[in-house]
N, C-alpha and C. Protein backbone atom coordinates (compact mmCIF):
# COMPACT_ATOMS: atom_id res chain seq x y z
N MET A 1 -33.62 20.13 -92.12
CA MET A 1 -32.52 18.77 -91.48
C MET A 1 -31.97 18.14 -92.65
N LYS A 2 -30.69 18.30 -92.15
CA LYS A 2 -30.11 17.48 -92.95
C LYS A 2 -29.43 16.72 -92.33
N ILE A 3 -29.12 15.32 -93.08
CA ILE A 3 -28.32 13.90 -92.50
C ILE A 3 -26.91 13.71 -93.55
N GLU A 4 -25.67 14.29 -92.05
CA GLU A 4 -25.02 13.77 -92.77
C GLU A 4 -24.54 12.58 -93.26
N GLY A 5 -23.48 12.27 -93.80
CA GLY A 5 -22.22 10.92 -93.82
C GLY A 5 -23.44 9.77 -94.84
N LEU A 6 -24.15 10.21 -95.07
CA LEU A 6 -25.64 9.14 -96.13
C LEU A 6 -24.59 8.70 -97.11
N ASP A 7 -23.58 10.22 -98.40
CA ASP A 7 -22.87 10.35 -99.35
C ASP A 7 -21.95 8.78 -98.88
N GLU A 8 -21.05 8.42 -97.89
CA GLU A 8 -19.99 7.62 -97.79
C GLU A 8 -20.97 6.78 -97.27
N LEU A 9 -21.63 6.36 -96.56
CA LEU A 9 -22.31 4.98 -96.20
C LEU A 9 -23.05 4.75 -97.81
N SER A 10 -23.16 4.83 -98.65
CA SER A 10 -23.52 4.91 -99.95
C SER A 10 -22.35 4.19 -100.26
N LYS A 11 -21.58 4.71 -100.40
CA LYS A 11 -19.88 4.01 -100.89
C LYS A 11 -19.79 3.12 -100.26
N LYS A 12 -19.69 2.84 -99.54
CA LYS A 12 -19.53 1.91 -98.00
C LYS A 12 -20.23 0.05 -98.49
N LEU A 13 -21.62 0.82 -98.41
CA LEU A 13 -22.34 -0.14 -99.64
C LEU A 13 -22.21 -0.28 -100.42
N ASP A 14 -22.25 0.07 -101.29
CA ASP A 14 -22.01 -0.18 -102.94
C ASP A 14 -20.58 -1.10 -102.97
N LYS A 15 -19.43 -0.71 -101.89
CA LYS A 15 -18.79 -1.49 -101.75
C LYS A 15 -18.50 -2.80 -101.61
N LEU A 16 -19.33 -3.45 -100.03
CA LEU A 16 -19.73 -4.69 -99.62
C LEU A 16 -20.73 -4.98 -101.03
N ALA A 17 -21.33 -4.65 -101.68
CA ALA A 17 -21.89 -5.52 -102.74
C ALA A 17 -21.51 -5.77 -103.77
N LYS A 18 -20.20 -5.51 -104.03
CA LYS A 18 -19.58 -5.73 -104.50
C LYS A 18 -18.09 -6.74 -104.61
N ASN A 19 -17.84 -6.74 -103.49
CA ASN A 19 -17.49 -7.42 -102.95
C ASN A 19 -17.82 -8.80 -102.29
N ALA A 20 -18.83 -8.87 -102.39
CA ALA A 20 -19.69 -9.68 -102.27
C ALA A 20 -20.40 -10.84 -103.25
N GLU A 21 -20.48 -10.09 -104.95
CA GLU A 21 -20.42 -10.37 -105.68
C GLU A 21 -19.53 -11.64 -106.26
N GLY A 22 -18.33 -11.05 -105.56
CA GLY A 22 -17.01 -11.40 -106.01
C GLY A 22 -16.84 -12.57 -105.19
N LEU A 23 -17.51 -12.93 -104.38
CA LEU A 23 -17.74 -14.41 -102.86
C LEU A 23 -19.15 -15.34 -103.98
N ASP A 24 -19.94 -15.40 -104.49
CA ASP A 24 -20.48 -15.61 -105.06
C ASP A 24 -20.51 -17.07 -105.54
N GLY A 25 -20.90 -18.46 -105.61
CA GLY A 25 -20.69 -19.12 -106.23
C GLY A 25 -19.59 -19.26 -105.30
N SER A 26 -19.06 -21.29 -105.73
CA SER A 26 -17.85 -21.96 -105.82
C SER A 26 -16.39 -21.03 -105.79
N HIS A 27 -15.79 -21.04 -104.52
CA HIS A 27 -14.40 -21.57 -104.56
C HIS A 27 -13.22 -22.36 -104.65
N THR A 28 -12.03 -22.15 -104.93
CA THR A 28 -10.58 -22.79 -104.04
C THR A 28 -9.79 -22.18 -103.70
N VAL A 29 -9.95 -22.10 -102.36
CA VAL A 29 -8.82 -21.67 -101.70
C VAL A 29 -8.20 -21.88 -100.84
N SER A 30 -6.62 -21.77 -101.21
CA SER A 30 -5.09 -22.50 -100.27
C SER A 30 -5.71 -22.27 -99.20
N MET A 31 -5.22 -23.53 -97.93
CA MET A 31 -5.29 -23.99 -96.64
C MET A 31 -4.67 -22.49 -96.20
N THR A 32 -3.00 -22.14 -96.79
CA THR A 32 -2.52 -21.10 -96.62
C THR A 32 -3.11 -19.57 -96.73
N ASP A 33 -4.10 -19.44 -97.61
CA ASP A 33 -4.73 -18.43 -97.59
C ASP A 33 -5.70 -18.12 -96.63
N ILE A 34 -6.73 -19.64 -96.01
CA ILE A 34 -7.07 -19.31 -95.24
C ILE A 34 -6.41 -19.93 -93.27
N LEU A 35 -5.47 -20.54 -93.39
CA LEU A 35 -5.15 -20.54 -92.35
C LEU A 35 -4.15 -19.23 -91.99
N THR A 36 -4.60 -17.75 -91.47
CA THR A 36 -3.17 -17.04 -92.13
C THR A 36 -2.13 -16.90 -90.70
N PRO A 37 -1.27 -16.71 -90.75
CA PRO A 37 -0.32 -16.41 -88.83
C PRO A 37 -1.78 -15.65 -88.70
N GLY A 38 -2.07 -14.38 -88.91
CA GLY A 38 -2.74 -14.08 -87.90
C GLY A 38 -3.73 -15.21 -86.99
N PHE A 39 -4.33 -15.98 -87.83
CA PHE A 39 -5.78 -16.77 -87.81
C PHE A 39 -4.73 -17.49 -86.33
N ILE A 40 -3.64 -17.94 -87.43
CA ILE A 40 -3.29 -19.07 -86.54
C ILE A 40 -2.70 -18.86 -85.26
N SER A 41 -2.10 -17.84 -84.89
CA SER A 41 -0.94 -17.32 -83.47
C SER A 41 -2.68 -16.68 -82.52
N GLU A 42 -3.91 -16.50 -83.09
CA GLU A 42 -5.12 -15.91 -81.65
C GLU A 42 -4.94 -17.41 -81.63
N HIS A 43 -5.33 -18.49 -82.43
CA HIS A 43 -5.99 -20.02 -81.82
C HIS A 43 -5.47 -20.60 -81.32
N THR A 44 -3.58 -21.19 -81.72
CA THR A 44 -2.53 -21.42 -81.28
C THR A 44 -1.71 -20.97 -80.94
N ARG A 45 -1.01 -22.66 -80.74
CA ARG A 45 0.62 -21.04 -78.82
C ARG A 45 1.75 -21.04 -80.87
N PHE A 46 0.82 -21.51 -81.92
CA PHE A 46 2.12 -21.58 -83.18
C PHE A 46 1.68 -20.44 -83.83
N ALA A 47 3.03 -19.48 -84.54
CA ALA A 47 3.24 -18.15 -85.08
C ALA A 47 2.39 -18.88 -86.50
N ASN A 48 2.22 -19.81 -86.93
CA ASN A 48 1.99 -20.21 -88.70
C ASN A 48 1.29 -21.66 -88.72
N ALA A 49 1.00 -21.46 -89.93
CA ALA A 49 0.26 -23.46 -90.13
C ALA A 49 1.38 -24.23 -90.11
N ASP A 50 2.52 -23.93 -90.56
CA ASP A 50 4.16 -24.37 -91.06
C ASP A 50 4.43 -24.34 -89.15
N GLU A 51 4.39 -24.03 -88.54
CA GLU A 51 4.88 -24.66 -87.10
C GLU A 51 3.71 -25.47 -86.89
N LEU A 52 2.51 -24.85 -86.34
CA LEU A 52 1.05 -25.81 -85.74
C LEU A 52 1.56 -27.43 -86.75
N PHE A 53 1.46 -27.39 -88.14
CA PHE A 53 1.43 -28.78 -88.52
C PHE A 53 2.81 -29.51 -88.48
N GLU A 54 4.07 -29.17 -88.10
CA GLU A 54 5.54 -29.38 -88.04
C GLU A 54 4.90 -30.13 -87.03
N ALA A 55 4.76 -29.27 -85.50
CA ALA A 55 3.94 -29.72 -84.61
C ALA A 55 3.45 -31.01 -83.92
N SER A 56 3.02 -31.48 -85.29
CA SER A 56 1.93 -32.08 -85.03
C SER A 56 1.82 -33.91 -85.25
N GLY A 57 3.49 -33.80 -86.17
CA GLY A 57 4.37 -35.40 -86.31
C GLY A 57 3.56 -35.69 -87.72
N PHE A 58 2.65 -34.65 -88.04
CA PHE A 58 1.83 -35.54 -89.38
C PHE A 58 3.08 -35.61 -90.71
N LYS A 59 2.87 -35.88 -91.22
CA LYS A 59 3.35 -35.92 -93.16
C LYS A 59 2.46 -35.04 -93.90
N CYS A 60 2.81 -33.69 -93.22
CA CYS A 60 1.77 -32.62 -94.59
C CYS A 60 2.98 -32.18 -96.02
N HIS A 61 3.58 -33.18 -96.47
CA HIS A 61 4.34 -32.24 -97.58
C HIS A 61 3.60 -32.86 -98.94
N SER A 62 2.61 -33.22 -98.71
CA SER A 62 1.53 -33.12 -100.35
C SER A 62 0.49 -33.04 -99.88
N GLN A 63 -0.56 -33.01 -101.07
CA GLN A 63 -1.74 -32.93 -100.24
C GLN A 63 -2.49 -34.33 -99.75
N GLU A 64 -2.43 -35.29 -100.90
CA GLU A 64 -2.10 -37.01 -100.59
C GLU A 64 -1.82 -36.54 -99.77
N ALA A 65 -0.84 -36.95 -99.13
CA ALA A 65 0.07 -36.56 -97.86
C ALA A 65 -1.12 -36.57 -96.74
N PHE A 66 -1.29 -35.24 -96.76
CA PHE A 66 -2.86 -34.56 -96.01
C PHE A 66 -3.73 -35.34 -95.73
N GLU A 67 -4.18 -35.83 -97.10
CA GLU A 67 -5.57 -36.46 -96.79
C GLU A 67 -5.16 -38.08 -96.17
N ALA A 68 -4.70 -38.14 -95.98
CA ALA A 68 -4.29 -39.83 -95.45
C ALA A 68 -4.05 -40.21 -94.24
N ILE A 69 -4.07 -38.48 -93.35
CA ILE A 69 -3.66 -38.14 -92.05
C ILE A 69 -5.22 -38.89 -91.66
N PRO A 70 -5.01 -39.81 -90.66
CA PRO A 70 -6.30 -40.27 -89.53
C PRO A 70 -7.20 -39.02 -89.55
N GLU A 71 -8.84 -38.51 -89.55
CA GLU A 71 -9.05 -37.33 -89.04
C GLU A 71 -9.52 -37.49 -87.51
N ALA A 72 -9.71 -38.68 -87.00
CA ALA A 72 -9.85 -38.80 -85.11
C ALA A 72 -8.84 -38.56 -85.13
N GLU A 73 -7.42 -38.48 -85.26
CA GLU A 73 -5.89 -37.80 -84.68
C GLU A 73 -5.58 -36.86 -84.95
N LEU A 74 -6.25 -36.10 -86.34
CA LEU A 74 -5.73 -34.63 -85.78
C LEU A 74 -6.87 -34.26 -85.82
N ASP A 75 -7.98 -34.44 -85.45
CA ASP A 75 -9.24 -33.82 -84.12
C ASP A 75 -7.89 -33.46 -82.80
N LYS A 76 -7.67 -34.61 -82.43
CA LYS A 76 -6.84 -35.47 -81.45
C LYS A 76 -6.15 -33.81 -81.25
N PHE A 77 -5.59 -34.26 -82.15
CA PHE A 77 -4.25 -32.73 -82.04
C PHE A 77 -5.04 -31.82 -82.41
N ILE A 78 -5.62 -30.98 -83.09
CA ILE A 78 -6.49 -29.95 -82.74
C ILE A 78 -6.79 -29.60 -81.51
N GLN A 79 -7.85 -30.29 -81.10
CA GLN A 79 -8.13 -29.92 -79.87
C GLN A 79 -7.10 -29.59 -78.39
N SER A 80 -5.65 -30.70 -79.02
CA SER A 80 -4.49 -30.31 -77.35
C SER A 80 -4.33 -28.73 -77.78
N GLU A 81 -4.44 -28.49 -79.45
CA GLU A 81 -3.73 -27.00 -79.39
C GLU A 81 -3.99 -25.98 -79.49
N SER A 82 -5.86 -26.04 -80.09
CA SER A 82 -6.81 -24.69 -79.73
C SER A 82 -8.11 -25.03 -79.11
N SER A 83 -8.31 -23.88 -78.99
CA SER A 83 -9.99 -24.09 -78.74
C SER A 83 -11.10 -25.08 -79.07
N PHE A 84 -10.36 -24.81 -80.50
CA PHE A 84 -11.09 -25.75 -81.49
C PHE A 84 -11.53 -26.95 -81.09
N SER A 85 -13.07 -28.22 -81.71
CA SER A 85 -13.05 -29.74 -80.97
C SER A 85 -13.15 -30.23 -82.30
N SER A 86 -12.38 -29.83 -83.73
CA SER A 86 -12.04 -31.02 -84.58
C SER A 86 -11.15 -29.66 -86.03
N TRP A 87 -10.56 -30.63 -87.01
CA TRP A 87 -10.04 -29.76 -87.98
C TRP A 87 -11.13 -29.27 -88.65
N GLN A 88 -12.23 -29.85 -88.59
CA GLN A 88 -13.79 -28.90 -89.38
C GLN A 88 -13.71 -28.25 -88.91
N GLU A 89 -13.67 -28.34 -87.68
CA GLU A 89 -14.37 -26.70 -87.10
C GLU A 89 -13.42 -25.46 -87.11
N MET A 90 -11.87 -25.69 -86.98
CA MET A 90 -11.18 -25.04 -87.59
C MET A 90 -11.29 -24.51 -88.69
N LEU A 91 -10.79 -25.20 -89.51
CA LEU A 91 -11.16 -24.78 -90.98
C LEU A 91 -12.07 -23.92 -90.79
N GLY A 92 -13.19 -24.20 -90.60
CA GLY A 92 -14.90 -23.45 -91.27
C GLY A 92 -14.69 -22.07 -90.82
N ALA A 93 -14.02 -22.05 -88.76
CA ALA A 93 -13.53 -20.31 -88.72
C ALA A 93 -12.50 -20.11 -89.45
N ALA A 94 -12.05 -20.56 -89.61
CA ALA A 94 -10.54 -19.94 -90.50
C ALA A 94 -11.46 -19.33 -92.07
N GLY A 95 -12.09 -20.34 -92.50
CA GLY A 95 -12.38 -19.99 -94.12
C GLY A 95 -13.99 -18.49 -93.78
N ARG A 96 -14.58 -18.08 -92.36
CA ARG A 96 -15.42 -17.46 -92.14
C ARG A 96 -14.28 -15.95 -92.07
N GLU A 97 -13.33 -16.42 -91.27
CA GLU A 97 -13.09 -14.87 -91.44
C GLU A 97 -12.18 -14.97 -92.66
N TRP A 98 -11.51 -15.89 -93.26
CA TRP A 98 -10.95 -15.36 -94.87
C TRP A 98 -12.33 -14.84 -95.82
N ALA A 99 -13.65 -14.66 -95.21
CA ALA A 99 -15.07 -14.19 -96.24
C ALA A 99 -14.62 -12.93 -96.14
N ILE A 100 -15.39 -12.70 -93.90
CA ILE A 100 -14.85 -11.09 -93.86
C ILE A 100 -13.81 -10.63 -93.93
N GLY A 101 -12.60 -10.88 -94.48
CA GLY A 101 -11.89 -10.17 -95.25
C GLY A 101 -11.79 -10.00 -96.33
N LYS A 102 -12.31 -10.56 -97.21
CA LYS A 102 -12.80 -10.32 -98.23
C LYS A 102 -13.90 -9.16 -98.80
N LEU A 103 -14.49 -9.45 -97.56
CA LEU A 103 -16.41 -8.36 -98.02
C LEU A 103 -15.69 -7.00 -97.50
N GLY A 104 -14.71 -7.01 -96.55
CA GLY A 104 -14.07 -6.07 -96.24
C GLY A 104 -14.90 -5.33 -95.14
N LEU A 105 -15.39 -6.35 -94.28
CA LEU A 105 -16.05 -5.66 -92.79
C LEU A 105 -15.02 -5.84 -91.96
């Protein structure tokens, strides 16, 4: 009895292991890398993160300005414009999608 496809499966598993090694440890990933247009358009009525933040009315021109946004107000906006209950929930989901993409799944 001969089993077909084991070489291909082995190559895919080797690639997955290599990609997983690349994700090991801590990483700094920009919001624009995580909040891709595909993610934003799938989960909101906006085409990209720029449109989302522009519609929010919050000043997001710098990291400091973004961090100054009251979290409760940002959560309320995210609740009204997406299926997520908070900014952190949305960011977490986007981060998981980013990691899955990096794994090549």
